[in-house]
Each structure stands twice: as structure tokens, then as C-alpha cells.
Protein backbone atom coordinates (compact mmCIF):
# COMPACT_ATOMS: atom_id res chain seq x y z
CA UNK A 1 -14.29 -37.66 87.45
CA UNK A 2 -12.97 -38.19 83.92
CA UNK A 3 -13.45 -41.61 82.33
CA UNK A 4 -10.97 -43.29 79.96
CA UNK A 5 -11.60 -42.75 76.24
CA UNK A 6 -14.44 -44.88 74.87
CA UNK A 7 -15.04 -46.23 71.37
CA UNK A 8 -18.64 -45.05 71.86
CA UNK A 9 -18.43 -41.58 70.33
CA UNK A 10 -21.81 -40.39 71.62
CA UNK A 11 -20.46 -40.00 75.17
CA UNK A 12 -18.15 -37.28 76.43
CA UNK A 13 -15.24 -37.74 78.87
CA UNK A 14 -17.71 -37.62 81.76
CA UNK A 15 -20.04 -40.26 80.33
CA UNK A 16 -22.70 -37.76 79.28
CA UNK A 17 -24.57 -38.17 75.99
CA UNK A 18 -23.40 -35.82 73.25
CA UNK A 19 -23.90 -35.17 69.57
CA UNK A 20 -20.58 -35.90 67.89
CA UNK A 21 -18.78 -32.84 66.52
CA UNK A 22 -18.18 -33.50 62.82
CA UNK A 23 -17.08 -29.96 61.91
CA UNK A 24 -13.45 -30.98 61.23
CA UNK A 25 -14.39 -33.97 59.07
CA UNK A 26 -14.08 -33.74 55.31
CA UNK A 27 -17.23 -33.66 53.23
CA UNK A 28 -17.12 -36.79 51.08
CA UNK A 29 -19.61 -38.89 49.17
CA UNK A 30 -21.15 -41.32 51.63
CA UNK A 31 -23.27 -44.35 50.83
CA UNK A 32 -24.96 -46.90 53.09
CA UNK A 33 -26.95 -50.00 52.16
CA UNK A 34 -29.22 -51.72 54.68
CA UNK A 35 -31.56 -54.67 54.37
CA UNK A 36 -34.26 -56.53 56.27
CA UNK A 37 -37.32 -58.68 55.71
CA UNK A 38 -40.84 -59.23 56.93
CA UNK A 39 -42.04 -62.82 57.16
CA UNK A 40 -45.76 -63.54 56.96
CA UNK A 41 -48.41 -66.16 56.36
CA UNK A 42 -48.62 -67.45 52.79
CA UNK A 43 -52.13 -65.98 52.40
CA UNK A 44 -50.83 -62.52 53.37
CA UNK A 45 -47.96 -62.86 50.92
CA UNK A 46 -50.45 -63.80 48.18
CA UNK A 47 -52.57 -60.69 48.92
CA UNK A 48 -49.50 -58.47 48.48
CA UNK A 49 -48.25 -60.32 45.39
CA UNK A 50 -51.68 -60.09 43.72
CA UNK A 51 -52.10 -56.42 44.64
CA UNK A 52 -55.34 -57.21 46.48
CA UNK A 53 -54.55 -55.86 49.94
CA UNK A 54 -57.50 -54.03 51.45
CA UNK A 55 -55.51 -50.81 52.01
CA UNK A 56 -54.11 -50.64 48.47
CA UNK A 57 -50.64 -50.85 46.91
CA UNK A 58 -48.65 -52.19 49.87
CA UNK A 59 -45.22 -52.06 48.21
CA UNK A 60 -45.79 -48.61 46.69
CA UNK A 61 -46.82 -47.11 50.01
CA UNK A 62 -43.96 -48.86 51.83
CA UNK A 63 -41.47 -47.42 49.32
CA UNK A 64 -42.68 -43.86 49.96
CA UNK A 65 -42.65 -44.47 53.73
CA UNK A 66 -39.05 -45.74 53.59
CA UNK A 67 -37.87 -42.70 51.64
CA UNK A 68 -39.71 -40.36 54.01
CA UNK A 69 -38.19 -42.14 57.02
CA UNK A 70 -34.66 -41.68 55.69
CA UNK A 71 -35.34 -37.95 55.34
CA UNK A 72 -36.63 -37.72 58.94
CA UNK A 73 -34.10 -39.90 60.74
CA UNK A 74 -32.59 -37.03 62.75
CA UNK A 75 -36.05 -36.30 64.18
CA UNK A 76 -36.36 -39.87 65.44
CA UNK A 77 -32.86 -40.66 66.71
CA UNK A 78 -31.80 -38.05 69.27
CA UNK A 79 -28.06 -37.76 68.54
CA UNK A 80 -28.23 -38.27 64.77
CA UNK A 81 -27.14 -35.34 62.58
CA UNK A 82 -29.68 -33.93 60.13
CA UNK A 83 -28.36 -34.64 56.64
CA UNK A 84 -28.99 -33.33 53.17
CA UNK A 85 -29.61 -36.63 51.42
CA UNK A 86 -28.71 -36.72 47.75
CA UNK A 87 -30.42 -40.05 47.03
CA UNK A 88 -32.58 -42.66 48.74
CA UNK A 89 -33.55 -45.82 46.85
CA UNK A 90 -35.91 -48.31 48.49
CA UNK A 91 -36.24 -51.67 46.76
CA UNK A 92 -38.74 -54.35 47.75
CA UNK A 93 -38.55 -57.95 46.60
CA UNK A 94 -41.30 -60.51 47.08
CA UNK A 95 -39.98 -63.86 48.31
CA UNK A 96 -42.39 -66.78 47.93
CA UNK A 97 -40.08 -69.12 49.85
CA UNK A 98 -39.96 -66.94 52.98
CA UNK A 99 -42.92 -66.12 52.43
CA UNK A 100 -42.51 -62.39 52.76
CA UNK A 101 -40.85 -59.28 51.47
CA UNK A 102 -37.22 -58.12 51.53
CA UNK A 103 -36.45 -54.42 51.72
CA UNK A 104 -33.09 -52.98 50.67
CA UNK A 105 -32.38 -49.27 51.04
CA UNK A 106 -29.45 -47.31 49.66
CA UNK A 107 -28.95 -43.84 51.14
CA UNK A 108 -26.44 -41.30 49.86
CA UNK A 109 -25.14 -37.86 50.79
CA UNK A 110 -22.11 -35.65 50.39
CA UNK A 111 -21.18 -34.58 53.88
CA UNK A 112 -19.12 -34.94 57.03
CA UNK A 113 -20.95 -37.92 58.50
CA UNK A 114 -22.34 -41.20 57.23
CA UNK A 115 -25.83 -42.27 56.23
CA UNK A 116 -26.02 -45.66 57.97
CA UNK A 117 -28.78 -44.56 60.33
CA UNK A 118 -30.85 -43.20 57.46
CA UNK A 119 -30.62 -46.49 55.55
CA UNK A 120 -31.43 -48.58 58.65
CA UNK A 121 -34.34 -46.35 59.65
CA UNK A 122 -35.76 -46.47 56.14
CA UNK A 123 -35.69 -50.28 56.10
CA UNK A 124 -37.47 -50.50 59.45
CA UNK A 125 -40.18 -48.02 58.51
CA UNK A 126 -40.70 -49.59 55.09
CA UNK A 127 -41.23 -52.98 56.74
CA UNK A 128 -43.40 -51.50 59.51
CA UNK A 129 -45.57 -49.94 56.82
CA UNK A 130 -46.09 -53.37 55.28
CA UNK A 131 -47.05 -54.64 58.74
CA UNK A 132 -49.48 -51.76 59.23
CA UNK A 133 -51.14 -52.27 55.86
CA UNK A 134 -51.50 -56.05 56.31
CA UNK A 135 -52.08 -56.42 60.06
CA UNK A 136 -55.82 -57.00 59.63
CA UNK A 137 -54.96 -60.16 57.70
CA UNK A 138 -51.91 -61.28 59.72
CA UNK A 139 -50.88 -59.96 63.14
CA UNK A 140 -48.11 -62.57 63.41
CA UNK A 141 -45.77 -61.05 60.81
CA UNK A 142 -42.14 -60.89 61.89
CA UNK A 143 -39.65 -58.18 60.93
CA UNK A 144 -36.22 -59.75 60.97
CA UNK A 145 -32.54 -59.44 60.22
CA UNK A 146 -32.44 -55.70 59.70
CA UNK A 147 -28.79 -54.81 59.32
CA UNK A 148 -26.25 -52.67 57.60
CA UNK A 149 -24.79 -54.44 54.56
CA UNK A 150 -22.31 -51.84 53.39
CA UNK A 151 -21.03 -48.31 53.95
CA UNK A 152 -18.68 -46.27 51.81
CA UNK A 153 -16.99 -42.92 52.25
CA UNK A 154 -15.38 -40.91 54.97
CA UNK A 155 -12.08 -41.55 56.72
CA UNK A 156 -12.89 -45.20 57.44
CA UNK A 157 -13.52 -45.95 53.76
CA UNK A 158 -15.50 -49.01 52.76
CA UNK A 159 -17.02 -51.62 55.09
CA UNK A 160 -19.06 -54.69 54.15
CA UNK A 161 -20.97 -56.94 56.50
CA UNK A 162 -19.81 -60.51 56.87
CA UNK A 163 -22.20 -63.13 55.56
CA UNK A 164 -25.29 -63.45 57.72
CA UNK A 165 -25.01 -66.24 60.31
CA UNK A 166 -28.64 -67.23 59.63
CA UNK A 167 -30.45 -67.08 56.31
CA UNK A 168 -33.53 -64.86 56.37
CA UNK A 169 -36.52 -66.75 57.70
CA UNK A 170 -34.61 -68.90 60.20
CA UNK A 171 -34.02 -68.29 63.87
């Protein structure tokens, strides 16, 4: 039985999972920006801000973890293409009002498919690394609002996320 065409490209005409064939797509510069945050107790935030976390430089380690995660995305997500990344930038911003840390990752490549999954994976792993390094002080931390902010390149061109329905820290 053949199913009608689906907007979900990771399924064939019979509904079976497939890796999308990108061989006919043009190699273009592709950029994706993703963001998320980790909310925590004020005391945990202060440990990170002061650089006094028991396991060391929380933000420095999280930055390396995020970059490494972007490079290994295809190993984690079954139908994701392995990409030759040309750049991964992981930025962390302390937010005393949250209290917590925002992570923004920009991933870039020149290729036939986008880098959205690499940027999103990097944000999650960067924030999970903060959780791991601080969990002895605060097991109630919350990773929230991880999402794609922007993608550029390819046939579909540029896309930007609409404004978030909830500011970080709420909901």
C-alpha cells in the first residue's frame, strides 16, 4: 500500500523511516542558530558566576561539550546526515534575573543539507553539561525553551522564529 505524500521527509511512500537523499541538492553555505536556558537556584547561579563550582570552570567545559556535540550529532540522531562543519560557536550568558544561564549556538557548513540539528544538539548538551557539573548543588535545575532561532541557506532560504510566546523563566 502506498501512502499519500507527506511533509515529513524522513518517511518513504510506504511509511518506513529513511535517510533523506540530498545528492541532488546544491551545496550552499548553511547557518543555524539555536538557543535555550537552564534555570537554577540563586546559590547555584552564584557558584557559577564566581567560578567556584566544585568541578571547575562550568561555562568553559559546557562550551567545549556544546562544540563536541555539534560535531557528533549524526551519531546521536539516527537519520541525521554527518556534516563537515565549518564553524561552531557556543556562547553562554549568565542571567541574574532568571537566575541561570542562556546558551546560544551558531553552526555553519557548506553542504547539501542544513545544520539545524547540530545547533539544537549543541545547545542541549551544553546545558546538560552545566546540569551535570552543578547537580550536587542543585538537582532542581530546569532546561527550558530550547529552540531554533534562525536558519539560512539552501533552497528554502532564510527562516526566523517568531517571538517566543513565553519569556525564558516562565511557564
